[in-house]
Amino acid sequence: MPQKAVRYVTRSTAAAAATIATAATSVAAAAVAASIILSPVADASSRLDGVHSDLMRAVQLNQITEEQAAKFEAKLAGRILGEA
């Protein structure tokens, strides 16, 4: 096969693969967005439970101190309960 033809096929294949990958990414992003929009909103207590467990995990991993976790949890609790 002539070199020019090989180069054309290679470029065409790469372009097609990139287009398919972009389309797949768009479909995946749309699916995630739809699942977020259509999922029921968690009530305040379950949101606070999630915040607490996430912060305790961060303390275990030495990412934040217990004092920082307590302050941040109090701040978020005020916001979450204010929305409810």
PDB file of N, CA and C in Angstrom:
ATOM      1  N   MET A   1       0.860  -1.163   0.000  1.00  0.00           N
ATOM      2  CA  MET A   1       0.000   0.000   0.000  1.00  0.00           C
ATOM      3  C   MET A   1       0.907   1.228   0.000  1.00  0.00           C
ATOM      4  N   PRO A   2       0.612   2.205  -0.810  1.00  0.00           N
ATOM      5  CA  PRO A   2       1.442   3.407  -0.861  1.00  0.00           C
ATOM      6  C   PRO A   2       1.442   4.137   0.486  1.00  0.00           C
ATOM      7  N   GLN A   3       2.536   4.802   0.777  1.00  0.00           N
ATOM      8  CA  GLN A   3       2.703   5.504   2.053  1.00  0.00           C
ATOM      9  C   GLN A   3       1.610   6.548   2.277  1.00  0.00           C
ATOM     10  N   LYS A   4       1.219   7.239   1.208  1.00  0.00           N
ATOM     11  CA  LYS A   4       0.177   8.260   1.316  1.00  0.00           C
ATOM     12  C   LYS A   4      -1.156   7.643   1.754  1.00  0.00           C
ATOM     13  N   ALA A   5      -1.469   6.476   1.215  1.00  0.00           N
ATOM     14  CA  ALA A   5      -2.712   5.788   1.572  1.00  0.00           C
ATOM     15  C   ALA A   5      -2.673   5.329   3.024  1.00  0.00           C
ATOM     16  N   VAL A   6      -1.531   4.827   3.458  1.00  0.00           N
ATOM     17  CA  VAL A   6      -1.387   4.378   4.850  1.00  0.00           C
ATOM     18  C   VAL A   6      -1.584   5.559   5.792  1.00  0.00           C
ATOM     19  N   ARG A   7      -0.981   6.690   5.459  1.00  0.00           N
ATOM     20  CA  ARG A   7      -1.105   7.885   6.286  1.00  0.00           C
ATOM     21  C   ARG A   7      -2.568   8.337   6.347  1.00  0.00           C
ATOM     22  N   TYR A   8      -3.271   8.299   5.220  1.00  0.00           N
ATOM     23  CA  TYR A   8      -4.675   8.700   5.162  1.00  0.00           C
ATOM     24  C   TYR A   8      -5.534   7.784   6.032  1.00  0.00           C
ATOM     25  N   VAL A   9      -5.318   6.480   5.907  1.00  0.00           N
ATOM     26  CA  VAL A   9      -6.100   5.517   6.691  1.00  0.00           C
ATOM     27  C   VAL A   9      -5.820   5.703   8.176  1.00  0.00           C
ATOM     28  N   THR A  10      -4.570   5.908   8.522  1.00  0.00           N
ATOM     29  CA  THR A  10      -4.203   6.093   9.926  1.00  0.00           C
ATOM     30  C   THR A  10      -4.852   7.348  10.499  1.00  0.00           C
ATOM     31  N   ARG A  11      -4.781   8.441   9.759  1.00  0.00           N
ATOM     32  CA  ARG A  11      -5.386   9.691  10.233  1.00  0.00           C
ATOM     33  C   ARG A  11      -6.902   9.579  10.315  1.00  0.00           C
ATOM     34  N   SER A  12      -7.507   8.954   9.331  1.00  0.00           N
ATOM     35  CA  SER A  12      -8.966   8.797   9.328  1.00  0.00           C
ATOM     36  C   SER A  12      -9.417   7.950  10.507  1.00  0.00           C
ATOM     37  N   THR A  13      -8.679   6.888  10.776  1.00  0.00           N
ATOM     38  CA  THR A  13      -9.015   6.007  11.894  1.00  0.00           C
ATOM     39  C   THR A  13      -8.862   6.745  13.215  1.00  0.00           C
ATOM     40  N   ALA A  14      -7.787   7.504  13.357  1.00  0.00           N
ATOM     41  CA  ALA A  14      -7.570   8.265  14.587  1.00  0.00           C
ATOM     42  C   ALA A  14      -8.662   9.313  14.778  1.00  0.00           C
ATOM     43  N   ALA A  15      -9.049   9.982  13.703  1.00  0.00           N
ATOM     44  CA  ALA A  15     -10.110  10.986  13.794  1.00  0.00           C
ATOM     45  C   ALA A  15     -11.440  10.344  14.172  1.00  0.00           C
ATOM     46  N   ALA A  16     -11.729   9.200  13.593  1.00  0.00           N
ATOM     47  CA  ALA A  16     -12.977   8.497  13.911  1.00  0.00           C
ATOM     48  C   ALA A  16     -12.976   8.041  15.367  1.00  0.00           C
ATOM     49  N   ALA A  17     -11.845   7.540  15.827  1.00  0.00           N
ATOM     50  CA  ALA A  17     -11.751   7.095  17.222  1.00  0.00           C
ATOM     51  C   ALA A  17     -11.945   8.268  18.180  1.00  0.00           C
ATOM     52  N   ALA A  18     -11.368   9.405  17.847  1.00  0.00           N
ATOM     53  CA  ALA A  18     -11.529  10.587  18.700  1.00  0.00           C
ATOM     54  C   ALA A  18     -12.983  11.043  18.729  1.00  0.00           C
ATOM     55  N   THR A  19     -13.644  10.996  17.588  1.00  0.00           N
ATOM     56  CA  THR A  19     -15.050  11.392  17.518  1.00  0.00           C
ATOM     57  C   THR A  19     -15.917  10.454  18.348  1.00  0.00           C
ATOM     58  N   ILE A  20     -15.657   9.170  18.253  1.00  0.00           N
ATOM     59  CA  ILE A  20     -16.423   8.184  19.023  1.00  0.00           C
ATOM     60  C   ILE A  20     -16.171   8.370  20.515  1.00  0.00           C
ATOM     61  N   ALA A  21     -14.919   8.615  20.894  1.00  0.00           N
ATOM     62  CA  ALA A  21     -14.598   8.823  22.307  1.00  0.00           C
ATOM     63  C   ALA A  21     -15.295  10.066  22.845  1.00  0.00           C
ATOM     64  N   THR A  22     -15.319  11.125  22.059  1.00  0.00           N
ATOM     65  CA  THR A  22     -15.997  12.354  22.474  1.00  0.00           C
ATOM     66  C   THR A  22     -17.492  12.116  22.633  1.00  0.00           C
ATOM     67  N   ALA A  23     -18.073  11.400  21.697  1.00  0.00           N
ATOM     68  CA  ALA A  23     -19.507  11.102  21.777  1.00  0.00           C
ATOM     69  C   ALA A  23     -19.814  10.244  23.001  1.00  0.00           C
ATOM     70  N   ALA A  24     -18.965   9.258  23.270  1.00  0.00           N
ATOM     71  CA  ALA A  24     -19.177   8.391  24.428  1.00  0.00           C
ATOM     72  C   ALA A  24     -19.073   9.188  25.722  1.00  0.00           C
ATOM     73  N   THR A  25     -18.125  10.100  25.781  1.00  0.00           N
ATOM     74  CA  THR A  25     -17.975  10.945  26.962  1.00  0.00           C
ATOM     75  C   THR A  25     -19.200  11.825  27.152  1.00  0.00           C
ATOM     76  N   SER A  26     -19.716  12.369  26.069  1.00  0.00           N
ATOM     77  CA  SER A  26     -20.908  13.217  26.146  1.00  0.00           C
ATOM     78  C   SER A  26     -22.112  12.425  26.632  1.00  0.00           C
ATOM     79  N   VAL A  27     -22.261  11.220  26.143  1.00  0.00           N
ATOM     80  CA  VAL A  27     -23.377  10.368  26.567  1.00  0.00           C
ATOM     81  C   VAL A  27     -23.246  10.026  28.043  1.00  0.00           C
ATOM     82  N   ALA A  28     -22.027   9.704  28.475  1.00  0.00           N
ATOM     83  CA  ALA A  28     -21.812   9.375  29.885  1.00  0.00           C
ATOM     84  C   ALA A  28     -22.105  10.584  30.770  1.00  0.00           C
ATOM     85  N   ALA A  29     -21.661  11.757  30.358  1.00  0.00           N
ATOM     86  CA  ALA A  29     -21.914  12.969  31.137  1.00  0.00           C
ATOM     87  C   ALA A  29     -23.409  13.265  31.209  1.00  0.00           C
ATOM     88  N   ALA A  30     -24.107  13.066  30.115  1.00  0.00           N
ATOM     89  CA  ALA A  30     -25.553  13.288  30.107  1.00  0.00           C
ATOM     90  C   ALA A  30     -26.262  12.300  31.027  1.00  0.00           C
ATOM     91  N   ALA A  31     -25.797  11.067  31.052  1.00  0.00           N
ATOM     92  CA  ALA A  31     -26.405  10.061  31.926  1.00  0.00           C
ATOM     93  C   ALA A  31     -26.192  10.415  33.394  1.00  0.00           C
ATOM     94  N   VAL A  32     -24.995  10.869  33.734  1.00  0.00           N
ATOM     95  CA  VAL A  32     -24.717  11.266  35.116  1.00  0.00           C
ATOM     96  C   VAL A  32     -25.569  12.473  35.497  1.00  0.00           C
ATOM     97  N   ALA A  33     -25.648  13.451  34.616  1.00  0.00           N
ATOM     98  CA  ALA A  33     -26.456  14.640  34.896  1.00  0.00           C
ATOM     99  C   ALA A  33     -27.924  14.273  35.091  1.00  0.00           C
ATOM    100  N   ALA A  34     -28.426  13.390  34.259  1.00  0.00           N
ATOM    101  CA  ALA A  34     -29.823  12.965  34.388  1.00  0.00           C
ATOM    102  C   ALA A  34     -30.054  12.236  35.701  1.00  0.00           C
ATOM    103  N   SER A  35     -29.105  11.394  36.103  1.00  0.00           N
ATOM    104  CA  SER A  35     -29.281  10.663  37.356  1.00  0.00           C
ATOM    105  C   SER A  35     -29.258  11.606  38.547  1.00  0.00           C
ATOM    106  N   ILE A  36     -28.452  12.670  38.464  1.00  0.00           N
ATOM    107  CA  ILE A  36     -28.409  13.643  39.553  1.00  0.00           C
ATOM    108  C   ILE A  36     -29.709  14.436  39.608  1.00  0.00           C
ATOM    109  N   ILE A  37     -30.181  14.860  38.455  1.00  0.00           N
ATOM    110  CA  ILE A  37     -31.395  15.675  38.403  1.00  0.00           C
ATOM    111  C   ILE A  37     -32.616  14.867  38.823  1.00  0.00           C
ATOM    112  N   LEU A  38     -32.685  13.615  38.394  1.00  0.00           N
ATOM    113  CA  LEU A  38     -33.867  12.801  38.653  1.00  0.00           C
ATOM    114  C   LEU A  38     -33.835  12.086  39.998  1.00  0.00           C
ATOM    115  N   SER A  39     -32.685  12.087  40.683  1.00  0.00           N
ATOM    116  CA  SER A  39     -32.618  11.399  41.966  1.00  0.00           C
ATOM    117  C   SER A  39     -33.307  12.246  43.035  1.00  0.00           C
ATOM    118  N   PRO A  40     -33.922  11.580  43.998  1.00  0.00           N
ATOM    119  CA  PRO A  40     -34.603  12.338  45.047  1.00  0.00           C
ATOM    120  C   PRO A  40     -33.579  13.059  45.932  1.00  0.00           C
ATOM    121  N   VAL A  41     -33.966  14.207  46.429  1.00  0.00           N
ATOM    122  CA  VAL A  41     -33.083  14.977  47.298  1.00  0.00           C
ATOM    123  C   VAL A  41     -33.062  14.312  48.668  1.00  0.00           C
ATOM    124  N   ALA A  42     -31.861  14.125  49.192  1.00  0.00           N
ATOM    125  CA  ALA A  42     -31.732  13.504  50.509  1.00  0.00           C
ATOM    126  C   ALA A  42     -32.242  14.473  51.571  1.00  0.00           C
ATOM    127  N   ASP A  43     -32.832  13.916  52.612  1.00  0.00           N
ATOM    128  CA  ASP A  43     -33.301  14.783  53.682  1.00  0.00           C
ATOM    129  C   ASP A  43     -32.102  15.282  54.491  1.00  0.00           C
ATOM    130  N   ALA A  44     -32.346  16.284  55.315  1.00  0.00           N
ATOM    131  CA  ALA A  44     -31.262  16.955  56.030  1.00  0.00           C
ATOM    132  C   ALA A  44     -30.486  16.002  56.931  1.00  0.00           C
ATOM    133  N   SER A  45     -31.178  15.098  57.613  1.00  0.00           N
ATOM    134  CA  SER A  45     -30.476  14.206  58.540  1.00  0.00           C
ATOM    135  C   SER A  45     -29.539  13.250  57.809  1.00  0.00           C
ATOM    136  N   SER A  46     -29.952  12.741  56.659  1.00  0.00           N
ATOM    137  CA  SER A  46     -29.059  11.842  55.922  1.00  0.00           C
ATOM    138  C   SER A  46     -27.888  12.613  55.320  1.00  0.00           C
ATOM    139  N   ARG A  47     -28.117  13.855  54.930  1.00  0.00           N
ATOM    140  CA  ARG A  47     -27.014  14.682  54.437  1.00  0.00           C
ATOM    141  C   ARG A  47     -26.016  14.948  55.553  1.00  0.00           C
ATOM    142  N   LEU A  48     -26.514  15.249  56.745  1.00  0.00           N
ATOM    143  CA  LEU A  48     -25.623  15.490  57.881  1.00  0.00           C
ATOM    144  C   LEU A  48     -24.857  14.230  58.263  1.00  0.00           C
ATOM    145  N   ASP A  49     -25.515  13.075  58.181  1.00  0.00           N
ATOM    146  CA  ASP A  49     -24.819  11.812  58.446  1.00  0.00           C
ATOM    147  C   ASP A  49     -23.682  11.607  57.452  1.00  0.00           C
ATOM    148  N   GLY A  50     -23.938  11.923  56.190  1.00  0.00           N
ATOM    149  CA  GLY A  50     -22.903  11.792  55.168  1.00  0.00           C
ATOM    150  C   GLY A  50     -21.747  12.750  55.397  1.00  0.00           C
ATOM    151  N   VAL A  51     -22.070  13.978  55.779  1.00  0.00           N
ATOM    152  CA  VAL A  51     -21.026  14.963  56.083  1.00  0.00           C
ATOM    153  C   VAL A  51     -20.178  14.475  57.244  1.00  0.00           C
ATOM    154  N   HIS A  52     -20.844  13.986  58.292  1.00  0.00           N
ATOM    155  CA  HIS A  52     -20.121  13.505  59.471  1.00  0.00           C
ATOM    156  C   HIS A  52     -19.184  12.350  59.112  1.00  0.00           C
ATOM    157  N   SER A  53     -19.691  11.380  58.366  1.00  0.00           N
ATOM    158  CA  SER A  53     -18.845  10.229  58.021  1.00  0.00           C
ATOM    159  C   SER A  53     -17.688  10.642  57.112  1.00  0.00           C
ATOM    160  N   ASP A  54     -17.931  11.563  56.192  1.00  0.00           N
ATOM    161  CA  ASP A  54     -16.850  12.046  55.325  1.00  0.00           C
ATOM    162  C   ASP A  54     -15.777  12.769  56.131  1.00  0.00           C
ATOM    163  N   LEU A  55     -16.206  13.588  57.072  1.00  0.00           N
ATOM    164  CA  LEU A  55     -15.235  14.319  57.886  1.00  0.00           C
ATOM    165  C   LEU A  55     -14.461  13.385  58.812  1.00  0.00           C
ATOM    166  N   MET A  56     -15.122  12.376  59.358  1.00  0.00           N
ATOM    167  CA  MET A  56     -14.411  11.419  60.203  1.00  0.00           C
ATOM    168  C   MET A  56     -13.377  10.632  59.393  1.00  0.00           C
ATOM    169  N   ARG A  57     -13.716  10.334  58.179  1.00  0.00           N
ATOM    170  CA  ARG A  57     -12.761   9.655  57.285  1.00  0.00           C
ATOM    171  C   ARG A  57     -11.558  10.556  57.016  1.00  0.00           C
ATOM    172  N   ALA A  58     -11.806  11.839  56.809  1.00  0.00           N
ATOM    173  CA  ALA A  58     -10.709  12.787  56.580  1.00  0.00           C
ATOM    174  C   ALA A  58      -9.813  12.892  57.813  1.00  0.00           C
ATOM    175  N   VAL A  59     -10.409  12.829  59.004  1.00  0.00           N
ATOM    176  CA  VAL A  59      -9.619  12.848  60.240  1.00  0.00           C
ATOM    177  C   VAL A  59      -8.769  11.585  60.326  1.00  0.00           C
ATOM    178  N   GLN A  60      -9.350  10.431  60.011  1.00  0.00           N
ATOM    179  CA  GLN A  60      -8.597   9.173  60.046  1.00  0.00           C
ATOM    180  C   GLN A  60      -7.419   9.191  59.086  1.00  0.00           C
ATOM    181  N   LEU A  61      -7.586   9.858  57.966  1.00  0.00           N
ATOM    182  CA  LEU A  61      -6.516   9.938  56.968  1.00  0.00           C
ATOM    183  C   LEU A  61      -5.547  11.086  57.256  1.00  0.00           C
ATOM    184  N   ASN A  62      -5.731  11.739  58.407  1.00  0.00           N
ATOM    185  CA  ASN A  62      -4.886  12.869  58.815  1.00  0.00           C
ATOM    186  C   ASN A  62      -4.889  14.004  57.797  1.00  0.00           C
ATOM    187  N   GLN A  63      -6.028  14.198  57.148  1.00  0.00           N
ATOM    188  CA  GLN A  63      -6.159  15.304  56.206  1.00  0.00           C
ATOM    189  C   GLN A  63      -6.584  16.582  56.923  1.00  0.00           C
ATOM    190  N   ILE A  64      -7.346  16.413  57.999  1.00  0.00           N
ATOM    191  CA  ILE A  64      -7.766  17.534  58.836  1.00  0.00           C
ATOM    192  C   ILE A  64      -7.725  17.078  60.284  1.00  0.00           C
ATOM    193  N   THR A  65      -7.761  18.051  61.205  1.00  0.00           N
ATOM    194  CA  THR A  65      -7.792  17.708  62.627  1.00  0.00           C
ATOM    195  C   THR A  65      -9.243  17.532  63.075  1.00  0.00           C
ATOM    196  N   GLU A  66      -9.407  16.974  64.273  1.00  0.00           N
ATOM    197  CA  GLU A  66     -10.761  16.799  64.806  1.00  0.00           C
ATOM    198  C   GLU A  66     -11.433  18.153  65.040  1.00  0.00           C
ATOM    199  N   GLU A  67     -10.632  19.140  65.457  1.00  0.00           N
ATOM    200  CA  GLU A  67     -11.184  20.478  65.689  1.00  0.00           C
ATOM    201  C   GLU A  67     -11.675  21.094  64.379  1.00  0.00           C
ATOM    202  N   GLN A  68     -10.889  20.940  63.323  1.00  0.00           N
ATOM    203  CA  GLN A  68     -11.307  21.461  62.022  1.00  0.00           C
ATOM    204  C   GLN A  68     -12.578  20.768  61.548  1.00  0.00           C
ATOM    205  N   ALA A  69     -12.642  19.458  61.758  1.00  0.00           N
ATOM    206  CA  ALA A  69     -13.825  18.699  61.345  1.00  0.00           C
ATOM    207  C   ALA A  69     -15.061  19.183  62.094  1.00  0.00           C
ATOM    208  N   ALA A  70     -14.917  19.408  63.397  1.00  0.00           N
ATOM    209  CA  ALA A  70     -16.056  19.852  64.201  1.00  0.00           C
ATOM    210  C   ALA A  70     -16.547  21.227  63.747  1.00  0.00           C
ATOM    211  N   LYS A  71     -15.607  22.145  63.493  1.00  0.00           N
ATOM    212  CA  LYS A  71     -16.001  23.489  63.038  1.00  0.00           C
ATOM    213  C   LYS A  71     -16.678  23.439  61.673  1.00  0.00           C
ATOM    214  N   PHE A  72     -16.105  22.656  60.785  1.00  0.00           N
ATOM    215  CA  PHE A  72     -16.666  22.571  59.440  1.00  0.00           C
ATOM    216  C   PHE A  72     -18.032  21.895  59.460  1.00  0.00           C
ATOM    217  N   GLU A  73     -18.165  20.858  60.294  1.00  0.00           N
ATOM    218  CA  GLU A  73     -19.458  20.174  60.397  1.00  0.00           C
ATOM    219  C   GLU A  73     -20.523  21.119  60.944  1.00  0.00           C
ATOM    220  N   ALA A  74     -20.157  21.928  61.929  1.00  0.00           N
ATOM    221  CA  ALA A  74     -21.113  22.889  62.486  1.00  0.00           C
ATOM    222  C   ALA A  74     -21.530  23.913  61.433  1.00  0.00           C
ATOM    223  N   LYS A  75     -20.567  24.375  60.645  1.00  0.00           N
ATOM    224  CA  LYS A  75     -20.871  25.350  59.595  1.00  0.00           C
ATOM    225  C   LYS A  75     -21.804  24.741  58.550  1.00  0.00           C
ATOM    226  N   LEU A  76     -21.495  23.510  58.128  1.00  0.00           N
ATOM    227  CA  LEU A  76     -22.344  22.854  57.130  1.00  0.00           C
ATOM    228  C   LEU A  76     -23.719  22.517  57.692  1.00  0.00           C
ATOM    229  N   ALA A  77     -23.771  22.137  58.964  1.00  0.00           N
ATOM    230  CA  ALA A  77     -25.063  21.825  59.576  1.00  0.00           C
ATOM    231  C   ALA A  77     -25.961  23.057  59.552  1.00  0.00           C
ATOM    232  N   GLY A  78     -25.378  24.214  59.837  1.00  0.00           N
ATOM    233  CA  GLY A  78     -26.160  25.449  59.780  1.00  0.00           C
ATOM    234  C   GLY A  78     -26.712  25.705  58.393  1.00  0.00           C
ATOM    235  N   ARG A  79     -25.897  25.470  57.389  1.00  0.00           N
ATOM    236  CA  ARG A  79     -26.356  25.686  56.010  1.00  0.00           C
ATOM    237  C   ARG A  79     -27.402  24.655  55.602  1.00  0.00           C
ATOM    238  N   ILE A  80     -27.144  23.391  55.926  1.00  0.00           N
ATOM    239  CA  ILE A  80     -28.072  22.323  55.521  1.00  0.00           C
ATOM    240  C   ILE A  80     -29.414  22.487  56.228  1.00  0.00           C
ATOM    241  N   LEU A  81     -29.373  22.747  57.523  1.00  0.00           N
ATOM    242  CA  LEU A  81     -30.620  22.896  58.268  1.00  0.00           C
ATOM    243  C   LEU A  81     -31.333  24.192  57.899  1.00  0.00           C
ATOM    244  N   GLY A  82     -30.584  25.187  57.466  1.00  0.00           N
ATOM    245  CA  GLY A  82     -31.193  26.436  57.010  1.00  0.00           C
ATOM    246  C   GLY A  82     -31.959  26.252  55.715  1.00  0.00           C
ATOM    247  N   GLU A  83     -31.493  25.310  54.874  1.00  0.00           N
ATOM    248  CA  GLU A  83     -32.172  25.026  53.604  1.00  0.00           C
ATOM    249  C   GLU A  83     -33.411  24.180  53.804  1.00  0.00           C
ATOM    250  N   ALA A  84     -33.412  23.356  54.864  1.00  0.00           N
ATOM    251  CA  ALA A  84     -34.497  22.386  55.057  1.00  0.00           C
ATOM    252  C   ALA A  84     -35.782  23.040  55.487  1.00  0.00           C
TER     253      ALA A  84
END
